[in-house]
Amino acid sequence: MTIEINVDCGEAFGNWVAGPDEELMPMIDVANVACGGHAGSPVIMKRTIDLAKKFGVKVGARE
């Protein structure tokens, strides 16, 4: 049996950051990136996706 660890992340806007994305990314399998309605700016979305790529984490979108 395998378990996939899925985390909501990318919740930030400008200087406001809501979670420890950089610390969690090496430990997860899927990153659900905030896209707009839930405090996700284009800059933060790109930064979060780049971080996921660095650690081989799959990416999903959420509002």
PDB file of N, CA and C in Angstrom:
ATOM      1  N   MET A   1       0.837  -1.165   0.000  1.00  0.00           N
ATOM      2  CA  MET A   1       0.000   0.000   0.000  1.00  0.00           C
ATOM      3  C   MET A   1       0.892   1.243   0.000  1.00  0.00           C
ATOM      4  N   THR A   2       0.491   2.244  -0.767  1.00  0.00           N
ATOM      5  CA  THR A   2       1.200   3.526  -0.756  1.00  0.00           C
ATOM      6  C   THR A   2       0.225   4.634  -0.391  1.00  0.00           C
ATOM      7  N   ILE A   3       0.752   5.666   0.170  1.00  0.00           N
ATOM      8  CA  ILE A   3      -0.039   6.835   0.543  1.00  0.00           C
ATOM      9  C   ILE A   3       0.567   8.041  -0.145  1.00  0.00           C
ATOM     10  N   GLU A   4      -0.296   8.831  -0.768  1.00  0.00           N
ATOM     11  CA  GLU A   4       0.143  10.053  -1.433  1.00  0.00           C
ATOM     12  C   GLU A   4      -0.165  11.230  -0.512  1.00  0.00           C
ATOM     13  N   ILE A   5       0.847  12.032  -0.241  1.00  0.00           N
ATOM     14  CA  ILE A   5       0.663  13.188   0.642  1.00  0.00           C
ATOM     15  C   ILE A   5       0.406  14.421  -0.207  1.00  0.00           C
ATOM     16  N   ASN A   6      -0.718  15.063   0.071  1.00  0.00           N
ATOM     17  CA  ASN A   6      -1.244  16.162  -0.712  1.00  0.00           C
ATOM     18  C   ASN A   6      -1.375  17.382   0.208  1.00  0.00           C
ATOM     19  N   VAL A   7      -0.837  18.540  -0.207  1.00  0.00           N
ATOM     20  CA  VAL A   7      -0.846  19.729   0.641  1.00  0.00           C
ATOM     21  C   VAL A   7      -1.361  20.934  -0.145  1.00  0.00           C
ATOM     22  N   ASP A   8      -2.224  21.735   0.485  1.00  0.00           N
ATOM     23  CA  ASP A   8      -2.624  23.019  -0.079  1.00  0.00           C
ATOM     24  C   ASP A   8      -1.494  24.001   0.201  1.00  0.00           C
ATOM     25  N   CYS A   9      -1.041  24.697  -0.838  1.00  0.00           N
ATOM     26  CA  CYS A   9       0.080  25.613  -0.647  1.00  0.00           C
ATOM     27  C   CYS A   9      -0.027  26.793  -1.603  1.00  0.00           C
ATOM     28  N   GLY A  10       0.973  27.645  -1.581  1.00  0.00           N
ATOM     29  CA  GLY A  10       0.978  28.823  -2.438  1.00  0.00           C
ATOM     30  C   GLY A  10       0.078  29.928  -1.939  1.00  0.00           C
ATOM     31  N   GLU A  11      -0.287  29.878  -0.682  1.00  0.00           N
ATOM     32  CA  GLU A  11      -1.133  30.924  -0.113  1.00  0.00           C
ATOM     33  C   GLU A  11      -0.253  32.079   0.344  1.00  0.00           C
ATOM     34  N   ALA A  12      -0.120  33.050  -0.523  1.00  0.00           N
ATOM     35  CA  ALA A  12       0.696  34.220  -0.208  1.00  0.00           C
ATOM     36  C   ALA A  12       0.336  35.329  -1.180  1.00  0.00           C
ATOM     37  N   PHE A  13       0.635  36.534  -0.790  1.00  0.00           N
ATOM     38  CA  PHE A  13       0.415  37.682  -1.670  1.00  0.00           C
ATOM     39  C   PHE A  13       1.370  38.774  -1.233  1.00  0.00           C
ATOM     40  N   GLY A  14       2.326  39.101  -2.097  1.00  0.00           N
ATOM     41  CA  GLY A  14       3.322  40.106  -1.730  1.00  0.00           C
ATOM     42  C   GLY A  14       4.158  39.627  -0.563  1.00  0.00           C
ATOM     43  N   ASN A  15       4.208  40.420   0.494  1.00  0.00           N
ATOM     44  CA  ASN A  15       4.993  40.059   1.682  1.00  0.00           C
ATOM     45  C   ASN A  15       4.248  39.144   2.646  1.00  0.00           C
ATOM     46  N   TRP A  16       2.945  38.948   2.422  1.00  0.00           N
ATOM     47  CA  TRP A  16       2.139  38.109   3.305  1.00  0.00           C
ATOM     48  C   TRP A  16       2.280  36.648   2.891  1.00  0.00           C
ATOM     49  N   VAL A  17       2.740  35.804   3.797  1.00  0.00           N
ATOM     50  CA  VAL A  17       2.924  34.373   3.536  1.00  0.00           C
ATOM     51  C   VAL A  17       2.156  33.598   4.595  1.00  0.00           C
ATOM     52  N   ALA A  18       1.408  32.558   4.171  1.00  0.00           N
ATOM     53  CA  ALA A  18       0.547  31.846   5.116  1.00  0.00           C
ATOM     54  C   ALA A  18       1.055  30.471   5.525  1.00  0.00           C
ATOM     55  N   GLY A  19       2.005  29.901   4.826  1.00  0.00           N
ATOM     56  CA  GLY A  19       2.402  28.551   5.180  1.00  0.00           C
ATOM     57  C   GLY A  19       3.871  28.274   4.919  1.00  0.00           C
ATOM     58  N   PRO A  20       4.371  27.165   5.466  1.00  0.00           N
ATOM     59  CA  PRO A  20       5.786  26.806   5.320  1.00  0.00           C
ATOM     60  C   PRO A  20       6.048  25.978   4.050  1.00  0.00           C
ATOM     61  N   ASP A  21       5.703  26.516   2.896  1.00  0.00           N
ATOM     62  CA  ASP A  21       5.815  25.767   1.636  1.00  0.00           C
ATOM     63  C   ASP A  21       7.218  25.209   1.398  1.00  0.00           C
ATOM     64  N   GLU A  22       8.234  26.018   1.601  1.00  0.00           N
ATOM     65  CA  GLU A  22       9.606  25.562   1.329  1.00  0.00           C
ATOM     66  C   GLU A  22      10.012  24.404   2.231  1.00  0.00           C
ATOM     67  N   GLU A  23       9.560  24.424   3.465  1.00  0.00           N
ATOM     68  CA  GLU A  23       9.909  23.348   4.392  1.00  0.00           C
ATOM     69  C   GLU A  23       9.137  22.064   4.086  1.00  0.00           C
ATOM     70  N   LEU A  24       7.878  22.196   3.654  1.00  0.00           N
ATOM     71  CA  LEU A  24       7.034  21.024   3.390  1.00  0.00           C
ATOM     72  C   LEU A  24       7.314  20.350   2.049  1.00  0.00           C
ATOM     73  N   MET A  25       7.704  21.115   1.043  1.00  0.00           N
ATOM     74  CA  MET A  25       7.805  20.597  -0.324  1.00  0.00           C
ATOM     75  C   MET A  25       8.637  19.318  -0.445  1.00  0.00           C
ATOM     76  N   PRO A  26       9.767  19.183   0.237  1.00  0.00           N
ATOM     77  CA  PRO A  26      10.537  17.941   0.096  1.00  0.00           C
ATOM     78  C   PRO A  26       9.832  16.703   0.678  1.00  0.00           C
ATOM     79  N   MET A  27       8.763  16.914   1.459  1.00  0.00           N
ATOM     80  CA  MET A  27       8.102  15.803   2.141  1.00  0.00           C
ATOM     81  C   MET A  27       6.762  15.405   1.535  1.00  0.00           C
ATOM     82  N   ILE A  28       6.336  16.062   0.442  1.00  0.00           N
ATOM     83  CA  ILE A  28       5.001  15.799  -0.100  1.00  0.00           C
ATOM     84  C   ILE A  28       5.061  15.224  -1.508  1.00  0.00           C
ATOM     85  N   ASP A  29       3.923  14.720  -1.962  1.00  0.00           N
ATOM     86  CA  ASP A  29       3.808  14.155  -3.308  1.00  0.00           C
ATOM     87  C   ASP A  29       3.057  15.077  -4.261  1.00  0.00           C
ATOM     88  N   VAL A  30       2.081  15.824  -3.744  1.00  0.00           N
ATOM     89  CA  VAL A  30       1.248  16.698  -4.576  1.00  0.00           C
ATOM     90  C   VAL A  30       1.083  18.046  -3.896  1.00  0.00           C
ATOM     91  N   ALA A  31       1.268  19.124  -4.663  1.00  0.00           N
ATOM     92  CA  ALA A  31       1.063  20.481  -4.171  1.00  0.00           C
ATOM     93  C   ALA A  31      -0.168  21.065  -4.853  1.00  0.00           C
ATOM     94  N   ASN A  32      -1.189  21.403  -4.075  1.00  0.00           N
ATOM     95  CA  ASN A  32      -2.373  22.077  -4.596  1.00  0.00           C
ATOM     96  C   ASN A  32      -2.127  23.570  -4.465  1.00  0.00           C
ATOM     97  N   VAL A  33      -1.861  24.225  -5.581  1.00  0.00           N
ATOM     98  CA  VAL A  33      -1.440  25.622  -5.575  1.00  0.00           C
ATOM     99  C   VAL A  33      -2.651  26.550  -5.616  1.00  0.00           C
ATOM    100  N   ALA A  34      -2.692  27.520  -4.688  1.00  0.00           N
ATOM    101  CA  ALA A  34      -3.756  28.519  -4.645  1.00  0.00           C
ATOM    102  C   ALA A  34      -3.686  29.374  -5.905  1.00  0.00           C
ATOM    103  N   CYS A  35      -4.816  29.534  -6.562  1.00  0.00           N
ATOM    104  CA  CYS A  35      -4.872  30.269  -7.837  1.00  0.00           C
ATOM    105  C   CYS A  35      -5.904  31.385  -7.783  1.00  0.00           C
ATOM    106  N   GLY A  36      -5.530  32.509  -7.217  1.00  0.00           N
ATOM    107  CA  GLY A  36      -6.387  33.686  -7.275  1.00  0.00           C
ATOM    108  C   GLY A  36      -7.289  33.902  -6.088  1.00  0.00           C
ATOM    109  N   GLY A  37      -8.412  33.207  -6.048  1.00  0.00           N
ATOM    110  CA  GLY A  37      -9.426  33.465  -5.043  1.00  0.00           C
ATOM    111  C   GLY A  37      -8.987  33.189  -3.617  1.00  0.00           C
ATOM    112  N   HIS A  38      -7.952  32.415  -3.426  1.00  0.00           N
ATOM    113  CA  HIS A  38      -7.518  32.051  -2.081  1.00  0.00           C
ATOM    114  C   HIS A  38      -6.097  32.560  -1.824  1.00  0.00           C
ATOM    115  N   ALA A  39      -5.891  33.835  -2.079  1.00  0.00           N
ATOM    116  CA  ALA A  39      -4.629  34.502  -1.772  1.00  0.00           C
ATOM    117  C   ALA A  39      -3.440  33.961  -2.546  1.00  0.00           C
ATOM    118  N   GLY A  40      -3.612  33.751  -3.833  1.00  0.00           N
ATOM    119  CA  GLY A  40      -2.490  33.326  -4.664  1.00  0.00           C
ATOM    120  C   GLY A  40      -2.267  34.316  -5.794  1.00  0.00           C
ATOM    121  N   SER A  41      -1.125  34.950  -5.843  1.00  0.00           N
ATOM    122  CA  SER A  41      -0.816  35.889  -6.917  1.00  0.00           C
ATOM    123  C   SER A  41      -0.036  35.155  -8.010  1.00  0.00           C
ATOM    124  N   PRO A  42       0.023  35.705  -9.214  1.00  0.00           N
ATOM    125  CA  PRO A  42       0.796  35.058 -10.287  1.00  0.00           C
ATOM    126  C   PRO A  42       2.259  34.814  -9.903  1.00  0.00           C
ATOM    127  N   VAL A  43       2.871  35.743  -9.199  1.00  0.00           N
ATOM    128  CA  VAL A  43       4.267  35.586  -8.787  1.00  0.00           C
ATOM    129  C   VAL A  43       4.408  34.421  -7.811  1.00  0.00           C
ATOM    130  N   ILE A  44       3.505  34.335  -6.848  1.00  0.00           N
ATOM    131  CA  ILE A  44       3.555  33.258  -5.860  1.00  0.00           C
ATOM    132  C   ILE A  44       3.237  31.918  -6.512  1.00  0.00           C
ATOM    133  N   MET A  45       2.280  31.886  -7.439  1.00  0.00           N
ATOM    134  CA  MET A  45       1.966  30.644  -8.141  1.00  0.00           C
ATOM    135  C   MET A  45       3.201  30.115  -8.862  1.00  0.00           C
ATOM    136  N   LYS A  46       3.900  30.982  -9.587  1.00  0.00           N
ATOM    137  CA  LYS A  46       5.098  30.557 -10.313  1.00  0.00           C
ATOM    138  C   LYS A  46       6.175  30.085  -9.345  1.00  0.00           C
ATOM    139  N   ARG A  47       6.378  30.818  -8.285  1.00  0.00           N
ATOM    140  CA  ARG A  47       7.392  30.441  -7.290  1.00  0.00           C
ATOM    141  C   ARG A  47       7.077  29.056  -6.696  1.00  0.00           C
ATOM    142  N   THR A  48       5.811  28.816  -6.394  1.00  0.00           N
ATOM    143  CA  THR A  48       5.409  27.540  -5.811  1.00  0.00           C
ATOM    144  C   THR A  48       5.587  26.394  -6.808  1.00  0.00           C
ATOM    145  N   ILE A  49       5.231  26.629  -8.062  1.00  0.00           N
ATOM    146  CA  ILE A  49       5.399  25.603  -9.100  1.00  0.00           C
ATOM    147  C   ILE A  49       6.876  25.310  -9.328  1.00  0.00           C
ATOM    148  N   ASP A  50       7.700  26.337  -9.359  1.00  0.00           N
ATOM    149  CA  ASP A  50       9.149  26.127  -9.511  1.00  0.00           C
ATOM    150  C   ASP A  50       9.710  25.311  -8.344  1.00  0.00           C
ATOM    151  N   LEU A  51       9.231  25.589  -7.151  1.00  0.00           N
ATOM    152  CA  LEU A  51       9.667  24.841  -5.968  1.00  0.00           C
ATOM    153  C   LEU A  51       9.229  23.374  -6.073  1.00  0.00           C
ATOM    154  N   ALA A  52       8.016  23.147  -6.529  1.00  0.00           N
ATOM    155  CA  ALA A  52       7.526  21.775  -6.714  1.00  0.00           C
ATOM    156  C   ALA A  52       8.371  21.033  -7.752  1.00  0.00           C
ATOM    157  N   LYS A  53       8.698  21.697  -8.841  1.00  0.00           N
ATOM    158  CA  LYS A  53       9.543  21.070  -9.867  1.00  0.00           C
ATOM    159  C   LYS A  53      10.899  20.672  -9.297  1.00  0.00           C
ATOM    160  N   LYS A  54      11.453  21.530  -8.475  1.00  0.00           N
ATOM    161  CA  LYS A  54      12.766  21.277  -7.866  1.00  0.00           C
ATOM    162  C   LYS A  54      12.767  19.958  -7.084  1.00  0.00           C
ATOM    163  N   PHE A  55      11.634  19.651  -6.434  1.00  0.00           N
ATOM    164  CA  PHE A  55      11.561  18.446  -5.609  1.00  0.00           C
ATOM    165  C   PHE A  55      10.770  17.309  -6.248  1.00  0.00           C
ATOM    166  N   GLY A  56      10.407  17.457  -7.524  1.00  0.00           N
ATOM    167  CA  GLY A  56       9.682  16.392  -8.223  1.00  0.00           C
ATOM    168  C   GLY A  56       8.275  16.168  -7.709  1.00  0.00           C
ATOM    169  N   VAL A  57       7.632  17.240  -7.244  1.00  0.00           N
ATOM    170  CA  VAL A  57       6.293  17.167  -6.683  1.00  0.00           C
ATOM    171  C   VAL A  57       5.262  17.471  -7.773  1.00  0.00           C
ATOM    172  N   LYS A  58       4.203  16.665  -7.855  1.00  0.00           N
ATOM    173  CA  LYS A  58       3.116  16.930  -8.801  1.00  0.00           C
ATOM    174  C   LYS A  58       2.366  18.178  -8.368  1.00  0.00           C
ATOM    175  N   VAL A  59       1.773  18.890  -9.349  1.00  0.00           N
ATOM    176  CA  VAL A  59       1.093  20.150  -9.063  1.00  0.00           C
ATOM    177  C   VAL A  59      -0.354  20.078  -9.501  1.00  0.00           C
ATOM    178  N   GLY A  60      -1.237  20.572  -8.640  1.00  0.00           N
ATOM    179  CA  GLY A  60      -2.643  20.750  -8.959  1.00  0.00           C
ATOM    180  C   GLY A  60      -3.026  22.177  -8.669  1.00  0.00           C
ATOM    181  N   ALA A  61      -4.191  22.595  -9.154  1.00  0.00           N
ATOM    182  CA  ALA A  61      -4.667  23.960  -8.924  1.00  0.00           C
ATOM    183  C   ALA A  61      -5.889  23.938  -8.022  1.00  0.00           C
ATOM    184  N   ARG A  62      -6.017  24.972  -7.212  1.00  0.00           N
ATOM    185  CA  ARG A  62      -7.212  25.119  -6.367  1.00  0.00           C
ATOM    186  C   ARG A  62      -7.513  26.601  -6.201  1.00  0.00           C
ATOM    187  N   GLU A  63      -8.724  26.888  -5.835  1.00  0.00           N
ATOM    188  CA  GLU A  63      -9.084  28.286  -5.622  1.00  0.00           C
ATOM    189  C   GLU A  63      -9.018  28.621  -4.173  1.00  0.00           C
TER     190      GLU A  63
END
